[in-house]
Amino acid sequence: MDLSDLISVPAIMPALKANSKKQLLQLLSERAAAISGIPEREVFDTILQ
């Protein structure tokens, strides 16, 4: 399995900047929600677990 099988181009955020861990997780959750169609809050809560 290649890494490209797991990560799509829209999921890559090369210029991502965050001031805190929480902000980073929120930004990642926002992107994952946009790609997957899963509600952002659900993605965020799952990442925190």
PDB file of N, CA and C in Angstrom:
ATOM      1  N   MET A   1       0.848  -1.181   0.000  1.00  0.00           N
ATOM      2  CA  MET A   1       0.000   0.000   0.000  1.00  0.00           C
ATOM      3  C   MET A   1       0.889   1.238   0.000  1.00  0.00           C
ATOM      4  N   ASP A   2       0.564   2.157  -0.868  1.00  0.00           N
ATOM      5  CA  ASP A   2       1.302   3.413  -0.948  1.00  0.00           C
ATOM      6  C   ASP A   2       0.656   4.464  -0.054  1.00  0.00           C
ATOM      7  N   LEU A   3       1.441   5.436   0.361  1.00  0.00           N
ATOM      8  CA  LEU A   3       0.920   6.536   1.160  1.00  0.00           C
ATOM      9  C   LEU A   3      -0.184   7.271   0.410  1.00  0.00           C
ATOM     10  N   SER A   4      -0.061   7.360  -0.893  1.00  0.00           N
ATOM     11  CA  SER A   4      -1.077   8.046  -1.705  1.00  0.00           C
ATOM     12  C   SER A   4      -2.422   7.328  -1.663  1.00  0.00           C
ATOM     13  N   ASP A   5      -2.432   6.064  -1.263  1.00  0.00           N
ATOM     14  CA  ASP A   5      -3.693   5.339  -1.094  1.00  0.00           C
ATOM     15  C   ASP A   5      -4.427   5.795   0.163  1.00  0.00           C
ATOM     16  N   LEU A   6      -3.698   6.367   1.101  1.00  0.00           N
ATOM     17  CA  LEU A   6      -4.279   6.782   2.375  1.00  0.00           C
ATOM     18  C   LEU A   6      -4.580   8.275   2.450  1.00  0.00           C
ATOM     19  N   ILE A   7      -3.812   9.071   1.728  1.00  0.00           N
ATOM     20  CA  ILE A   7      -3.943  10.531   1.810  1.00  0.00           C
ATOM     21  C   ILE A   7      -4.211  11.089   0.420  1.00  0.00           C
ATOM     22  N   SER A   8      -5.306  11.817   0.283  1.00  0.00           N
ATOM     23  CA  SER A   8      -5.631  12.431  -1.003  1.00  0.00           C
ATOM     24  C   SER A   8      -5.000  13.823  -1.083  1.00  0.00           C
ATOM     25  N   VAL A   9      -4.842  14.320  -2.276  1.00  0.00           N
ATOM     26  CA  VAL A   9      -4.245  15.643  -2.479  1.00  0.00           C
ATOM     27  C   VAL A   9      -5.003  16.736  -1.715  1.00  0.00           C
ATOM     28  N   PRO A  10      -6.347  16.766  -1.714  1.00  0.00           N
ATOM     29  CA  PRO A  10      -7.047  17.812  -0.965  1.00  0.00           C
ATOM     30  C   PRO A  10      -6.812  17.755   0.550  1.00  0.00           C
ATOM     31  N   ALA A  11      -6.338  16.625   1.054  1.00  0.00           N
ATOM     32  CA  ALA A  11      -6.107  16.487   2.492  1.00  0.00           C
ATOM     33  C   ALA A  11      -4.774  17.085   2.935  1.00  0.00           C
ATOM     34  N   ILE A  12      -3.898  17.369   1.994  1.00  0.00           N
ATOM     35  CA  ILE A  12      -2.572  17.890   2.322  1.00  0.00           C
ATOM     36  C   ILE A  12      -2.656  19.396   2.568  1.00  0.00           C
ATOM     37  N   MET A  13      -2.089  19.826   3.688  1.00  0.00           N
ATOM     38  CA  MET A  13      -2.143  21.238   4.085  1.00  0.00           C
ATOM     39  C   MET A  13      -0.719  21.723   4.376  1.00  0.00           C
ATOM     40  N   PRO A  14       0.089  21.987   3.334  1.00  0.00           N
ATOM     41  CA  PRO A  14       1.503  22.300   3.542  1.00  0.00           C
ATOM     42  C   PRO A  14       1.776  23.617   4.264  1.00  0.00           C
ATOM     43  N   ALA A  15       0.891  24.579   4.165  1.00  0.00           N
ATOM     44  CA  ALA A  15       1.133  25.880   4.793  1.00  0.00           C
ATOM     45  C   ALA A  15       0.324  26.053   6.075  1.00  0.00           C
ATOM     46  N   LEU A  16      -0.068  24.958   6.676  1.00  0.00           N
ATOM     47  CA  LEU A  16      -0.888  25.015   7.887  1.00  0.00           C
ATOM     48  C   LEU A  16      -0.095  25.618   9.037  1.00  0.00           C
ATOM     49  N   LYS A  17      -0.695  26.593   9.690  1.00  0.00           N
ATOM     50  CA  LYS A  17      -0.079  27.214  10.861  1.00  0.00           C
ATOM     51  C   LYS A  17      -1.126  27.271  11.955  1.00  0.00           C
ATOM     52  N   ALA A  18      -0.713  26.901  13.150  1.00  0.00           N
ATOM     53  CA  ALA A  18      -1.621  26.923  14.293  1.00  0.00           C
ATOM     54  C   ALA A  18      -0.853  27.431  15.506  1.00  0.00           C
ATOM     55  N   ASN A  19      -1.568  28.128  16.367  1.00  0.00           N
ATOM     56  CA  ASN A  19      -0.948  28.688  17.566  1.00  0.00           C
ATOM     57  C   ASN A  19      -1.039  27.756  18.763  1.00  0.00           C
ATOM     58  N   SER A  20      -1.833  26.706  18.647  1.00  0.00           N
ATOM     59  CA  SER A  20      -1.992  25.771  19.756  1.00  0.00           C
ATOM     60  C   SER A  20      -2.386  24.402  19.218  1.00  0.00           C
ATOM     61  N   LYS A  21      -2.274  23.421  20.073  1.00  0.00           N
ATOM     62  CA  LYS A  21      -2.681  22.066  19.694  1.00  0.00           C
ATOM     63  C   LYS A  21      -4.169  22.042  19.369  1.00  0.00           C
ATOM     64  N   LYS A  22      -4.967  22.723  20.177  1.00  0.00           N
ATOM     65  CA  LYS A  22      -6.414  22.745  19.952  1.00  0.00           C
ATOM     66  C   LYS A  22      -6.741  23.367  18.601  1.00  0.00           C
ATOM     67  N   GLN A  23      -6.093  24.470  18.268  1.00  0.00           N
ATOM     68  CA  GLN A  23      -6.338  25.117  16.984  1.00  0.00           C
ATOM     69  C   GLN A  23      -5.928  24.197  15.833  1.00  0.00           C
ATOM     70  N   LEU A  24      -4.819  23.504  15.980  1.00  0.00           N
ATOM     71  CA  LEU A  24      -4.373  22.562  14.956  1.00  0.00           C
ATOM     72  C   LEU A  24      -5.413  21.468  14.744  1.00  0.00           C
ATOM     73  N   LEU A  25      -5.913  20.896  15.831  1.00  0.00           N
ATOM     74  CA  LEU A  25      -6.914  19.838  15.722  1.00  0.00           C
ATOM     75  C   LEU A  25      -8.213  20.356  15.111  1.00  0.00           C
ATOM     76  N   GLN A  26      -8.576  21.591  15.416  1.00  0.00           N
ATOM     77  CA  GLN A  26      -9.778  22.180  14.816  1.00  0.00           C
ATOM     78  C   GLN A  26      -9.607  22.350  13.311  1.00  0.00           C
ATOM     79  N   LEU A  27      -8.453  22.815  12.888  1.00  0.00           N
ATOM     80  CA  LEU A  27      -8.191  22.993  11.459  1.00  0.00           C
ATOM     81  C   LEU A  27      -8.180  21.654  10.727  1.00  0.00           C
ATOM     82  N   LEU A  28      -7.559  20.658  11.335  1.00  0.00           N
ATOM     83  CA  LEU A  28      -7.542  19.320  10.733  1.00  0.00           C
ATOM     84  C   LEU A  28      -8.946  18.733  10.665  1.00  0.00           C
ATOM     85  N   SER A  29      -9.725  18.959  11.708  1.00  0.00           N
ATOM     86  CA  SER A  29     -11.107  18.469  11.740  1.00  0.00           C
ATOM     87  C   SER A  29     -11.946  19.134  10.658  1.00  0.00           C
ATOM     88  N   GLU A  30     -11.734  20.417  10.477  1.00  0.00           N
ATOM     89  CA  GLU A  30     -12.466  21.169   9.450  1.00  0.00           C
ATOM     90  C   GLU A  30     -12.180  20.598   8.060  1.00  0.00           C
ATOM     91  N   ARG A  31     -10.919  20.346   7.778  1.00  0.00           N
ATOM     92  CA  ARG A  31     -10.544  19.800   6.469  1.00  0.00           C
ATOM     93  C   ARG A  31     -11.080  18.382   6.300  1.00  0.00           C
ATOM     94  N   ALA A  32     -10.933  17.556   7.324  1.00  0.00           N
ATOM     95  CA  ALA A  32     -11.415  16.173   7.249  1.00  0.00           C
ATOM     96  C   ALA A  32     -12.928  16.127   7.056  1.00  0.00           C
ATOM     97  N   ALA A  33     -13.640  17.030   7.714  1.00  0.00           N
ATOM     98  CA  ALA A  33     -15.100  17.086   7.571  1.00  0.00           C
ATOM     99  C   ALA A  33     -15.485  17.478   6.148  1.00  0.00           C
ATOM    100  N   ALA A  34     -14.777  18.434   5.585  1.00  0.00           N
ATOM    101  CA  ALA A  34     -15.072  18.876   4.221  1.00  0.00           C
ATOM    102  C   ALA A  34     -14.843  17.752   3.206  1.00  0.00           C
ATOM    103  N   ILE A  35     -13.827  16.947   3.444  1.00  0.00           N
ATOM    104  CA  ILE A  35     -13.502  15.859   2.523  1.00  0.00           C
ATOM    105  C   ILE A  35     -14.437  14.667   2.703  1.00  0.00           C
ATOM    106  N   SER A  36     -14.739  14.347   3.954  1.00  0.00           N
ATOM    107  CA  SER A  36     -15.482  13.118   4.248  1.00  0.00           C
ATOM    108  C   SER A  36     -16.992  13.283   4.314  1.00  0.00           C
ATOM    109  N   GLY A  37     -17.451  14.511   4.565  1.00  0.00           N
ATOM    110  CA  GLY A  37     -18.884  14.722   4.735  1.00  0.00           C
ATOM    111  C   GLY A  37     -19.362  14.437   6.151  1.00  0.00           C
ATOM    112  N   ILE A  38     -18.445  14.070   7.031  1.00  0.00           N
ATOM    113  CA  ILE A  38     -18.773  13.835   8.439  1.00  0.00           C
ATOM    114  C   ILE A  38     -18.782  15.194   9.140  1.00  0.00           C
ATOM    115  N   PRO A  39     -19.738  15.422  10.046  1.00  0.00           N
ATOM    116  CA  PRO A  39     -19.781  16.712  10.741  1.00  0.00           C
ATOM    117  C   PRO A  39     -18.454  17.031  11.450  1.00  0.00           C
ATOM    118  N   GLU A  40     -18.059  18.293  11.362  1.00  0.00           N
ATOM    119  CA  GLU A  40     -16.775  18.724  11.918  1.00  0.00           C
ATOM    120  C   GLU A  40     -16.651  18.376  13.395  1.00  0.00           C
ATOM    121  N   ARG A  41     -17.705  18.586  14.162  1.00  0.00           N
ATOM    122  CA  ARG A  41     -17.658  18.309  15.604  1.00  0.00           C
ATOM    123  C   ARG A  41     -17.416  16.821  15.868  1.00  0.00           C
ATOM    124  N   GLU A  42     -18.019  15.978  15.063  1.00  0.00           N
ATOM    125  CA  GLU A  42     -17.835  14.530  15.216  1.00  0.00           C
ATOM    126  C   GLU A  42     -16.383  14.138  14.925  1.00  0.00           C
ATOM    127  N   VAL A  43     -15.811  14.731  13.897  1.00  0.00           N
ATOM    128  CA  VAL A  43     -14.404  14.464  13.567  1.00  0.00           C
ATOM    129  C   VAL A  43     -13.516  14.939  14.712  1.00  0.00           C
ATOM    130  N   PHE A  44     -13.754  16.143  15.199  1.00  0.00           N
ATOM    131  CA  PHE A  44     -12.947  16.719  16.280  1.00  0.00           C
ATOM    132  C   PHE A  44     -13.017  15.847  17.531  1.00  0.00           C
ATOM    133  N   ASP A  45     -14.219  15.448  17.915  1.00  0.00           N
ATOM    134  CA  ASP A  45     -14.390  14.613  19.110  1.00  0.00           C
ATOM    135  C   ASP A  45     -13.678  13.273  18.959  1.00  0.00           C
ATOM    136  N   THR A  46     -13.721  12.712  17.765  1.00  0.00           N
ATOM    137  CA  THR A  46     -13.059  11.429  17.517  1.00  0.00           C
ATOM    138  C   THR A  46     -11.544  11.573  17.604  1.00  0.00           C
ATOM    139  N   ILE A  47     -11.004  12.660  17.082  1.00  0.00           N
ATOM    140  CA  ILE A  47      -9.558  12.897  17.160  1.00  0.00           C
ATOM    141  C   ILE A  47      -9.119  13.027  18.616  1.00  0.00           C
ATOM    142  N   LEU A  48      -9.941  13.664  19.436  1.00  0.00           N
ATOM    143  CA  LEU A  48      -9.579  13.863  20.839  1.00  0.00           C
ATOM    144  C   LEU A  48      -9.560  12.571  21.645  1.00  0.00           C
ATOM    145  N   GLN A  49     -10.269  11.563  21.185  1.00  0.00           N
ATOM    146  CA  GLN A  49     -10.331  10.301  21.953  1.00  0.00           C
ATOM    147  C   GLN A  49      -9.054   9.545  21.920  1.00  0.00           C
TER     148      GLN A  49
END
